[in-house]
Amino acid sequence: MKIPTVMLLLTAVLQPASAFGETDWMGGARQWSVGFANESPHPYCRLLWDSEIGKTMEFRQTATETFWLVSKNTWDIPADTKTEVTLINRTTTKVVAAEFFDKNTLRLWGPASKGSAGLKKIIKNSFAGMPDVQLTFAGDEGDWTLPLSRVDQLYPTYRQCLKRLEAGERPKQNPETSKPF
């Protein structure tokens, strides 16, 4: 096999993950990760908490919408499920709507839900030292604690992701400092 053919094959195999619509993870700390998902037609920023025991919570922010997703790999949620989840922090208790997102995932505060505009405020406050939030589910699922108090150090990374989102594309590489091989 000739060297140019090998180079072409390696280039195709070693494409950045975001080139295929997957998440480009930009940083992480203490079970939290920040990533940019370059999915068409709506790329988004991901702020993901992974319990490492099958439970995840994720905030997704597109240019026009913010999602709060709660997942457990053992759930089998029927389509069209609608329920409620109670959020509790040190000073407030709030009951929010939750709905089917996929078979393992509930979407809290869907776009038609009262108070859904507050999601961006929760994300913003989590970077300012918001206390952890407890989630209580309507069914037999035990309570979960979302450790928002651990996310503050990822603020610069999340801001960088939002800037990429606002730009609408991957940042351009600097030809003077990039290493093509």
N, C-alpha and C. Protein backbone atom coordinates (compact mmCIF):
# COMPACT_ATOMS: atom_id res chain seq x y z
N MET A 1 0.85 -1.17 0.00
CA MET A 1 0.00 0.00 0.00
C MET A 1 0.90 1.23 0.00
N LYS A 2 0.55 2.19 -0.78
CA LYS A 2 1.35 3.40 -0.89
C LYS A 2 1.05 4.34 0.27
N ILE A 3 2.01 5.18 0.59
CA ILE A 3 1.89 6.11 1.71
C ILE A 3 0.70 7.05 1.55
N PRO A 4 0.43 7.66 0.37
CA PRO A 4 -0.74 8.54 0.27
C PRO A 4 -2.06 7.81 0.57
N THR A 5 -2.17 6.55 0.17
CA THR A 5 -3.38 5.79 0.45
C THR A 5 -3.52 5.56 1.95
N VAL A 6 -2.42 5.24 2.63
CA VAL A 6 -2.44 5.04 4.07
C VAL A 6 -2.84 6.34 4.77
N MET A 7 -2.29 7.45 4.33
CA MET A 7 -2.61 8.75 4.93
C MET A 7 -4.09 9.07 4.77
N LEU A 8 -4.64 8.78 3.59
CA LEU A 8 -6.05 9.04 3.35
C LEU A 8 -6.92 8.18 4.26
N LEU A 9 -6.57 6.93 4.41
CA LEU A 9 -7.33 6.03 5.29
C LEU A 9 -7.24 6.48 6.73
N LEU A 10 -6.05 6.85 7.20
CA LEU A 10 -5.89 7.32 8.57
C LEU A 10 -6.68 8.60 8.81
N THR A 11 -6.69 9.49 7.85
CA THR A 11 -7.45 10.73 7.98
C THR A 11 -8.94 10.43 8.14
N ALA A 12 -9.46 9.49 7.39
CA ALA A 12 -10.88 9.13 7.48
C ALA A 12 -11.20 8.48 8.81
N VAL A 13 -10.30 7.65 9.32
CA VAL A 13 -10.55 6.94 10.57
C VAL A 13 -10.39 7.86 11.77
N LEU A 14 -9.47 8.80 11.72
CA LEU A 14 -9.15 9.63 12.87
C LEU A 14 -9.85 10.99 12.86
N GLN A 15 -10.99 11.09 12.23
CA GLN A 15 -11.76 12.34 12.25
C GLN A 15 -12.16 12.67 13.68
N PRO A 16 -12.25 13.96 14.04
CA PRO A 16 -12.73 14.30 15.37
C PRO A 16 -14.14 13.75 15.56
N ALA A 17 -14.47 13.40 16.80
CA ALA A 17 -15.77 12.79 17.07
C ALA A 17 -16.92 13.70 16.63
N SER A 18 -16.78 15.01 16.81
CA SER A 18 -17.87 15.90 16.46
C SER A 18 -18.12 15.97 14.96
N ALA A 19 -17.16 15.51 14.16
CA ALA A 19 -17.37 15.51 12.72
C ALA A 19 -18.46 14.52 12.33
N PHE A 20 -18.73 13.54 13.16
CA PHE A 20 -19.75 12.54 12.88
C PHE A 20 -21.02 12.77 13.68
N GLY A 21 -21.21 13.95 14.25
CA GLY A 21 -22.41 14.25 15.00
C GLY A 21 -22.35 13.76 16.44
N GLU A 22 -21.19 13.38 16.92
CA GLU A 22 -21.04 12.96 18.30
C GLU A 22 -20.56 14.13 19.13
N THR A 23 -20.47 13.92 20.43
CA THR A 23 -20.07 14.99 21.33
C THR A 23 -18.56 15.16 21.37
N ASP A 24 -18.12 16.40 21.28
CA ASP A 24 -16.73 16.77 21.46
C ASP A 24 -16.60 17.20 22.92
N TRP A 25 -16.10 16.30 23.78
CA TRP A 25 -16.00 16.60 25.21
C TRP A 25 -14.87 17.58 25.43
N MET A 26 -15.19 18.71 26.05
CA MET A 26 -14.26 19.81 26.19
C MET A 26 -13.60 19.85 27.56
N GLY A 27 -14.21 19.22 28.55
CA GLY A 27 -13.63 19.24 29.89
C GLY A 27 -14.54 18.52 30.87
N GLY A 28 -13.98 18.20 32.02
CA GLY A 28 -14.76 17.52 33.04
C GLY A 28 -14.08 17.58 34.39
N ALA A 29 -14.89 17.43 35.43
CA ALA A 29 -14.38 17.40 36.80
C ALA A 29 -15.47 16.89 37.72
N ARG A 30 -15.07 16.02 38.64
CA ARG A 30 -15.94 15.56 39.73
C ARG A 30 -17.30 15.08 39.23
N GLN A 31 -17.31 14.17 38.29
CA GLN A 31 -18.48 13.52 37.69
C GLN A 31 -19.26 14.43 36.73
N TRP A 32 -18.79 15.63 36.48
CA TRP A 32 -19.43 16.55 35.54
C TRP A 32 -18.58 16.65 34.28
N SER A 33 -19.25 16.80 33.13
CA SER A 33 -18.55 16.99 31.86
C SER A 33 -19.26 18.06 31.04
N VAL A 34 -18.48 18.76 30.22
CA VAL A 34 -19.01 19.74 29.28
C VAL A 34 -18.62 19.29 27.88
N GLY A 35 -19.60 19.30 26.98
CA GLY A 35 -19.32 18.89 25.62
C GLY A 35 -20.13 19.67 24.61
N PHE A 36 -19.62 19.69 23.38
CA PHE A 36 -20.30 20.34 22.26
C PHE A 36 -20.76 19.26 21.30
N ALA A 37 -22.06 19.16 21.08
CA ALA A 37 -22.62 18.19 20.14
C ALA A 37 -22.97 18.92 18.86
N ASN A 38 -22.27 18.60 17.80
CA ASN A 38 -22.46 19.29 16.53
C ASN A 38 -23.46 18.53 15.67
N GLU A 39 -24.66 18.36 16.21
CA GLU A 39 -25.69 17.61 15.50
C GLU A 39 -26.51 18.54 14.62
N SER A 40 -26.82 18.07 13.45
CA SER A 40 -27.62 18.85 12.52
C SER A 40 -29.09 18.56 12.77
N PRO A 41 -29.98 19.49 12.70
CA PRO A 41 -29.75 20.90 12.36
C PRO A 41 -29.50 21.79 13.57
N HIS A 42 -29.52 21.21 14.80
CA HIS A 42 -29.40 22.04 16.00
C HIS A 42 -28.25 21.58 16.89
N PRO A 43 -27.06 22.13 16.74
CA PRO A 43 -25.98 21.79 17.67
C PRO A 43 -26.34 22.29 19.07
N TYR A 44 -25.71 21.70 20.09
CA TYR A 44 -26.02 22.10 21.46
C TYR A 44 -24.83 21.85 22.38
N CYS A 45 -24.87 22.55 23.51
CA CYS A 45 -23.89 22.35 24.57
C CYS A 45 -24.49 21.39 25.58
N ARG A 46 -23.63 20.52 26.12
CA ARG A 46 -24.05 19.53 27.10
C ARG A 46 -23.33 19.78 28.42
N LEU A 47 -24.10 19.83 29.49
CA LEU A 47 -23.55 19.85 30.84
C LEU A 47 -24.09 18.58 31.49
N LEU A 48 -23.23 17.58 31.63
CA LEU A 48 -23.65 16.23 31.98
C LEU A 48 -23.06 15.80 33.31
N TRP A 49 -23.95 15.28 34.19
CA TRP A 49 -23.52 14.63 35.43
C TRP A 49 -23.74 13.15 35.26
N ASP A 50 -22.70 12.35 35.51
CA ASP A 50 -22.77 10.90 35.40
C ASP A 50 -22.44 10.31 36.77
N SER A 51 -23.42 9.63 37.36
CA SER A 51 -23.24 9.05 38.69
C SER A 51 -22.26 7.89 38.68
N GLU A 52 -21.98 7.36 37.51
CA GLU A 52 -21.13 6.19 37.31
C GLU A 52 -21.77 4.91 37.83
N ILE A 53 -23.07 4.97 38.17
CA ILE A 53 -23.83 3.77 38.54
C ILE A 53 -25.14 3.69 37.75
N GLY A 54 -25.12 4.26 36.53
CA GLY A 54 -26.27 4.14 35.64
C GLY A 54 -27.24 5.30 35.64
N LYS A 55 -27.02 6.31 36.46
CA LYS A 55 -27.89 7.48 36.51
C LYS A 55 -27.14 8.67 35.90
N THR A 56 -27.84 9.43 35.07
CA THR A 56 -27.26 10.67 34.53
C THR A 56 -28.29 11.78 34.55
N MET A 57 -27.81 12.99 34.63
CA MET A 57 -28.63 14.18 34.46
C MET A 57 -27.87 15.10 33.53
N GLU A 58 -28.61 15.71 32.63
CA GLU A 58 -27.97 16.52 31.61
C GLU A 58 -28.78 17.76 31.32
N PHE A 59 -28.06 18.87 31.22
CA PHE A 59 -28.64 20.11 30.70
C PHE A 59 -28.12 20.24 29.27
N ARG A 60 -29.03 20.43 28.33
CA ARG A 60 -28.66 20.67 26.93
C ARG A 60 -29.16 22.05 26.55
N GLN A 61 -28.28 22.83 25.94
CA GLN A 61 -28.66 24.17 25.53
C GLN A 61 -28.36 24.36 24.06
N THR A 62 -29.45 24.56 23.27
CA THR A 62 -29.30 24.89 21.86
C THR A 62 -29.36 26.41 21.75
N ALA A 63 -29.34 26.92 20.55
CA ALA A 63 -29.45 28.37 20.35
C ALA A 63 -30.83 28.87 20.77
N THR A 64 -31.84 28.00 20.76
CA THR A 64 -33.21 28.45 21.02
C THR A 64 -33.91 27.76 22.18
N GLU A 65 -33.32 26.70 22.73
CA GLU A 65 -34.04 25.90 23.71
C GLU A 65 -33.07 25.29 24.73
N THR A 66 -33.58 25.07 25.95
CA THR A 66 -32.79 24.42 26.99
C THR A 66 -33.55 23.20 27.49
N PHE A 67 -32.85 22.07 27.62
CA PHE A 67 -33.44 20.82 28.08
C PHE A 67 -32.84 20.42 29.43
N TRP A 68 -33.62 19.72 30.25
CA TRP A 68 -33.10 19.05 31.44
C TRP A 68 -33.53 17.60 31.31
N LEU A 69 -32.56 16.72 31.14
CA LEU A 69 -32.83 15.30 30.93
C LEU A 69 -32.34 14.50 32.13
N VAL A 70 -33.17 13.56 32.58
CA VAL A 70 -32.84 12.67 33.69
C VAL A 70 -32.94 11.24 33.17
N SER A 71 -31.85 10.48 33.29
CA SER A 71 -31.81 9.13 32.71
C SER A 71 -31.33 8.10 33.71
N LYS A 72 -31.82 6.90 33.50
CA LYS A 72 -31.31 5.74 34.24
C LYS A 72 -31.32 4.58 33.27
N ASN A 73 -30.19 3.90 33.17
CA ASN A 73 -30.07 2.87 32.14
C ASN A 73 -30.99 1.67 32.34
N THR A 74 -31.60 1.52 33.51
CA THR A 74 -32.53 0.40 33.74
C THR A 74 -33.99 0.78 33.58
N TRP A 75 -34.26 2.06 33.34
CA TRP A 75 -35.66 2.47 33.14
C TRP A 75 -36.16 1.97 31.80
N ASP A 76 -37.45 1.71 31.72
CA ASP A 76 -38.13 1.39 30.47
C ASP A 76 -39.41 2.20 30.46
N ILE A 77 -39.30 3.45 30.08
CA ILE A 77 -40.40 4.41 30.17
C ILE A 77 -41.31 4.27 28.96
N PRO A 78 -42.61 4.06 29.18
CA PRO A 78 -43.53 3.99 28.04
C PRO A 78 -43.63 5.35 27.32
N ALA A 79 -43.77 5.30 26.01
CA ALA A 79 -43.95 6.53 25.22
C ALA A 79 -45.18 7.28 25.74
N ASP A 80 -45.17 8.58 25.60
CA ASP A 80 -46.25 9.46 26.02
C ASP A 80 -46.42 9.54 27.54
N THR A 81 -45.44 9.06 28.32
CA THR A 81 -45.52 9.16 29.77
C THR A 81 -45.41 10.62 30.19
N LYS A 82 -46.27 11.01 31.10
CA LYS A 82 -46.22 12.33 31.72
C LYS A 82 -46.30 12.11 33.23
N THR A 83 -45.43 12.78 33.97
CA THR A 83 -45.38 12.60 35.42
C THR A 83 -44.90 13.90 36.05
N GLU A 84 -44.59 13.85 37.32
CA GLU A 84 -44.05 15.00 38.02
C GLU A 84 -42.82 14.59 38.82
N VAL A 85 -41.91 15.52 38.97
CA VAL A 85 -40.72 15.34 39.80
C VAL A 85 -40.65 16.52 40.75
N THR A 86 -40.35 16.25 42.01
CA THR A 86 -40.23 17.31 43.00
C THR A 86 -38.76 17.65 43.18
N LEU A 87 -38.45 18.94 43.06
CA LEU A 87 -37.08 19.45 43.24
C LEU A 87 -37.01 20.12 44.60
N ILE A 88 -35.98 19.76 45.37
CA ILE A 88 -35.85 20.30 46.72
C ILE A 88 -34.42 20.79 46.91
N ASN A 89 -34.28 22.06 47.31
CA ASN A 89 -32.96 22.53 47.73
C ASN A 89 -33.10 23.04 49.16
N ARG A 90 -32.14 23.80 49.64
CA ARG A 90 -32.18 24.21 51.06
C ARG A 90 -33.38 25.07 51.40
N THR A 91 -33.89 25.84 50.46
CA THR A 91 -34.95 26.80 50.79
C THR A 91 -36.25 26.61 50.02
N THR A 92 -36.24 25.82 48.96
CA THR A 92 -37.38 25.76 48.07
C THR A 92 -37.74 24.32 47.72
N THR A 93 -39.06 24.08 47.58
CA THR A 93 -39.57 22.82 47.03
C THR A 93 -40.44 23.19 45.85
N LYS A 94 -40.18 22.55 44.71
CA LYS A 94 -40.93 22.87 43.50
C LYS A 94 -41.29 21.58 42.78
N VAL A 95 -42.56 21.44 42.40
CA VAL A 95 -43.02 20.30 41.63
C VAL A 95 -43.00 20.72 40.16
N VAL A 96 -42.31 19.92 39.32
CA VAL A 96 -42.20 20.24 37.90
C VAL A 96 -42.70 19.08 37.06
N ALA A 97 -43.17 19.42 35.88
CA ALA A 97 -43.65 18.40 34.94
C ALA A 97 -42.46 17.66 34.35
N ALA A 98 -42.68 16.36 34.09
CA ALA A 98 -41.67 15.54 33.41
C ALA A 98 -42.40 14.71 32.37
N GLU A 99 -41.71 14.46 31.25
CA GLU A 99 -42.34 13.71 30.17
C GLU A 99 -41.33 12.80 29.48
N PHE A 100 -41.85 11.82 28.77
CA PHE A 100 -41.05 10.87 28.01
C PHE A 100 -40.13 11.61 27.05
N PHE A 101 -38.84 11.23 27.04
CA PHE A 101 -37.89 11.73 26.05
C PHE A 101 -37.41 10.56 25.20
N ASP A 102 -36.99 9.50 25.87
CA ASP A 102 -36.74 8.21 25.23
C ASP A 102 -36.95 7.13 26.29
N LYS A 103 -36.72 5.87 25.96
CA LYS A 103 -37.11 4.80 26.87
C LYS A 103 -36.37 4.81 28.20
N ASN A 104 -35.23 5.48 28.28
CA ASN A 104 -34.47 5.58 29.52
C ASN A 104 -34.45 6.98 30.12
N THR A 105 -35.17 7.92 29.50
CA THR A 105 -34.97 9.33 29.85
C THR A 105 -36.28 10.09 30.01
N LEU A 106 -36.34 10.89 31.07
CA LEU A 106 -37.41 11.86 31.26
C LEU A 106 -36.88 13.25 30.95
N ARG A 107 -37.73 14.07 30.36
CA ARG A 107 -37.39 15.48 30.15
C ARG A 107 -38.17 16.28 31.18
N LEU A 108 -37.44 16.98 32.04
CA LEU A 108 -38.08 17.84 33.04
C LEU A 108 -38.36 19.19 32.42
N TRP A 109 -39.45 19.79 32.82
CA TRP A 109 -39.80 21.13 32.35
C TRP A 109 -39.77 21.21 30.83
N GLY A 110 -40.61 20.43 30.17
CA GLY A 110 -40.71 20.50 28.72
C GLY A 110 -41.04 21.91 28.26
N PRO A 111 -40.99 22.17 26.96
CA PRO A 111 -41.16 23.53 26.47
C PRO A 111 -42.51 24.15 26.81
N ALA A 112 -43.53 23.34 26.98
CA ALA A 112 -44.87 23.87 27.29
C ALA A 112 -45.11 23.97 28.80
N SER A 113 -44.15 23.54 29.61
CA SER A 113 -44.33 23.52 31.06
C SER A 113 -44.19 24.91 31.66
N LYS A 114 -44.98 25.14 32.69
CA LYS A 114 -44.90 26.40 33.41
C LYS A 114 -43.54 26.50 34.11
N GLY A 115 -42.87 27.60 33.94
CA GLY A 115 -41.58 27.82 34.59
C GLY A 115 -40.39 27.26 33.86
N SER A 116 -40.57 26.72 32.64
CA SER A 116 -39.44 26.11 31.94
C SER A 116 -38.36 27.13 31.58
N ALA A 117 -38.71 28.39 31.54
CA ALA A 117 -37.70 29.42 31.25
C ALA A 117 -36.66 29.50 32.36
N GLY A 118 -36.95 28.94 33.53
CA GLY A 118 -36.03 28.98 34.66
C GLY A 118 -34.84 28.04 34.53
N LEU A 119 -34.81 27.20 33.50
CA LEU A 119 -33.69 26.26 33.35
C LEU A 119 -32.36 26.97 33.16
N LYS A 120 -32.33 28.00 32.34
CA LYS A 120 -31.08 28.74 32.13
C LYS A 120 -30.62 29.36 33.45
N LYS A 121 -31.58 29.78 34.27
CA LYS A 121 -31.24 30.37 35.56
C LYS A 121 -30.62 29.31 36.48
N ILE A 122 -31.14 28.08 36.44
CA ILE A 122 -30.56 27.01 37.25
C ILE A 122 -29.12 26.74 36.82
N ILE A 123 -28.90 26.68 35.51
CA ILE A 123 -27.54 26.44 35.00
C ILE A 123 -26.62 27.57 35.46
N LYS A 124 -27.07 28.80 35.28
CA LYS A 124 -26.26 29.96 35.66
C LYS A 124 -25.96 29.92 37.16
N ASN A 125 -26.98 29.66 37.98
CA ASN A 125 -26.78 29.64 39.43
C ASN A 125 -25.90 28.48 39.88
N SER A 126 -25.91 27.38 39.14
CA SER A 126 -25.06 26.25 39.53
C SER A 126 -23.59 26.64 39.43
N PHE A 127 -23.23 27.50 38.51
CA PHE A 127 -21.86 27.96 38.38
C PHE A 127 -21.50 28.99 39.45
N ALA A 128 -22.51 29.51 40.13
CA ALA A 128 -22.28 30.50 41.17
C ALA A 128 -22.37 29.89 42.56
N GLY A 129 -22.34 28.56 42.65
CA GLY A 129 -22.33 27.92 43.96
C GLY A 129 -23.69 27.50 44.46
N MET A 130 -24.62 27.23 43.58
CA MET A 130 -25.95 26.77 43.98
C MET A 130 -25.82 25.46 44.77
N PRO A 131 -26.62 25.29 45.82
CA PRO A 131 -26.54 24.04 46.58
C PRO A 131 -27.07 22.86 45.76
N ASP A 132 -26.73 21.65 46.21
CA ASP A 132 -27.23 20.45 45.55
C ASP A 132 -28.75 20.43 45.56
N VAL A 133 -29.32 19.73 44.59
CA VAL A 133 -30.78 19.63 44.47
C VAL A 133 -31.17 18.17 44.60
N GLN A 134 -32.18 17.91 45.39
CA GLN A 134 -32.72 16.56 45.53
C GLN A 134 -33.91 16.42 44.59
N LEU A 135 -33.98 15.30 43.88
CA LEU A 135 -35.12 15.00 43.01
C LEU A 135 -35.90 13.85 43.62
N THR A 136 -37.20 14.04 43.76
CA THR A 136 -38.09 13.00 44.26
C THR A 136 -39.05 12.67 43.14
N PHE A 137 -39.11 11.39 42.78
CA PHE A 137 -39.95 10.95 41.66
C PHE A 137 -41.32 10.50 42.16
N ALA A 138 -42.32 10.58 41.28
CA ALA A 138 -43.69 10.23 41.64
C ALA A 138 -43.87 8.73 41.86
N GLY A 139 -43.07 7.91 41.21
CA GLY A 139 -43.21 6.46 41.32
C GLY A 139 -42.38 5.89 42.45
N ASP A 140 -41.87 4.67 42.24
CA ASP A 140 -41.11 3.99 43.29
C ASP A 140 -39.60 4.19 43.18
N GLU A 141 -39.16 5.07 42.29
CA GLU A 141 -37.74 5.39 42.18
C GLU A 141 -37.31 6.16 43.43
N GLY A 142 -36.19 5.79 44.01
CA GLY A 142 -35.68 6.51 45.18
C GLY A 142 -35.25 7.93 44.82
N ASP A 143 -35.03 8.73 45.83
CA ASP A 143 -34.59 10.11 45.62
C ASP A 143 -33.18 10.13 45.03
N TRP A 144 -32.91 11.15 44.22
CA TRP A 144 -31.59 11.39 43.66
C TRP A 144 -31.10 12.74 44.16
N THR A 145 -29.80 12.88 44.27
CA THR A 145 -29.21 14.17 44.59
C THR A 145 -28.35 14.61 43.41
N LEU A 146 -28.65 15.77 42.87
CA LEU A 146 -27.86 16.35 41.79
C LEU A 146 -26.82 17.28 42.40
N PRO A 147 -25.54 16.92 42.33
CA PRO A 147 -24.49 17.69 43.01
C PRO A 147 -24.09 18.96 42.26
N LEU A 148 -24.98 19.93 42.23
CA LEU A 148 -24.69 21.20 41.55
C LEU A 148 -23.53 21.95 42.20
N SER A 149 -23.27 21.66 43.46
CA SER A 149 -22.18 22.35 44.16
C SER A 149 -20.81 21.96 43.61
N ARG A 150 -20.74 20.94 42.75
CA ARG A 150 -19.46 20.48 42.21
C ARG A 150 -19.14 21.04 40.82
N VAL A 151 -20.07 21.79 40.23
CA VAL A 151 -19.92 22.15 38.81
C VAL A 151 -19.23 23.49 38.58
N ASP A 152 -19.05 24.29 39.62
CA ASP A 152 -18.56 25.66 39.46
C ASP A 152 -17.27 25.79 38.67
N GLN A 153 -16.33 24.87 38.83
CA GLN A 153 -15.04 25.01 38.15
C GLN A 153 -15.13 24.79 36.64
N LEU A 154 -16.26 24.31 36.15
CA LEU A 154 -16.42 24.09 34.71
C LEU A 154 -17.02 25.30 33.99
N TYR A 155 -17.24 26.39 34.70
CA TYR A 155 -17.85 27.57 34.08
C TYR A 155 -17.08 28.07 32.86
N PRO A 156 -15.75 28.23 32.92
CA PRO A 156 -15.04 28.71 31.72
C PRO A 156 -15.22 27.76 30.52
N THR A 157 -15.25 26.47 30.78
CA THR A 157 -15.42 25.50 29.69
C THR A 157 -16.82 25.60 29.11
N TYR A 158 -17.82 25.77 29.97
CA TYR A 158 -19.20 25.89 29.49
C TYR A 158 -19.37 27.18 28.68
N ARG A 159 -18.77 28.28 29.13
CA ARG A 159 -18.82 29.55 28.37
C ARG A 159 -18.18 29.36 27.00
N GLN A 160 -17.07 28.63 26.95
CA GLN A 160 -16.40 28.36 25.67
C GLN A 160 -17.34 27.57 24.75
N CYS A 161 -18.06 26.62 25.31
CA CYS A 161 -19.01 25.84 24.52
C CYS A 161 -20.12 26.73 23.99
N LEU A 162 -20.65 27.60 24.84
CA LEU A 162 -21.72 28.51 24.39
C LEU A 162 -21.23 29.45 23.28
N LYS A 163 -19.97 29.87 23.35
CA LYS A 163 -19.42 30.71 22.29
C LYS A 163 -19.35 29.95 20.98
N ARG A 164 -18.99 28.67 21.04
CA ARG A 164 -19.00 27.83 19.83
C ARG A 164 -20.42 27.72 19.29
N LEU A 165 -21.37 27.57 20.18
CA LEU A 165 -22.77 27.46 19.77
C LEU A 165 -23.23 28.74 19.09
N GLU A 166 -22.89 29.88 19.67
CA GLU A 166 -23.26 31.17 19.09
C GLU A 166 -22.60 31.37 17.73
N ALA A 167 -21.38 30.88 17.58
CA ALA A 167 -20.66 31.02 16.32
C ALA A 167 -21.25 30.11 15.24
N GLY A 168 -21.92 29.06 15.67
CA GLY A 168 -22.57 28.17 14.72
C GLY A 168 -21.65 27.20 14.01
N GLU A 169 -20.42 27.08 14.49
CA GLU A 169 -19.48 26.17 13.85
C GLU A 169 -18.33 25.86 14.79
N ARG A 170 -17.54 24.87 14.40
CA ARG A 170 -16.31 24.56 15.14
C ARG A 170 -15.34 25.73 15.00
N PRO A 171 -14.58 26.02 16.05
CA PRO A 171 -13.59 27.08 15.94
C PRO A 171 -12.56 26.77 14.86
N LYS A 172 -12.12 27.80 14.20
CA LYS A 172 -11.10 27.64 13.16
C LYS A 172 -9.77 27.31 13.83
N GLN A 173 -8.99 26.44 13.19
CA GLN A 173 -7.67 26.12 13.71
C GLN A 173 -6.69 27.19 13.27
N ASN A 174 -5.75 27.48 14.13
CA ASN A 174 -4.70 28.43 13.81
C ASN A 174 -3.63 27.69 13.01
N PRO A 175 -3.40 28.07 11.73
CA PRO A 175 -2.44 27.33 10.91
C PRO A 175 -1.01 27.40 11.45
N GLU A 176 -0.70 28.40 12.26
CA GLU A 176 0.65 28.51 12.79
C GLU A 176 0.90 27.56 13.95
N THR A 177 -0.15 27.19 14.68
CA THR A 177 0.04 26.33 15.85
C THR A 177 -0.57 24.94 15.68
N SER A 178 -1.38 24.73 14.65
CA SER A 178 -1.99 23.41 14.48
C SER A 178 -0.97 22.41 13.94
N LYS A 179 -1.21 21.17 14.27
CA LYS A 179 -0.32 20.09 13.82
C LYS A 179 -1.16 19.12 13.01
N PRO A 180 -1.07 19.18 11.69
CA PRO A 180 -1.96 18.36 10.87
C PRO A 180 -1.65 16.87 10.91
N PHE A 181 -0.49 16.47 11.42
CA PHE A 181 -0.16 15.05 11.43
C PHE A 181 0.22 14.61 12.83
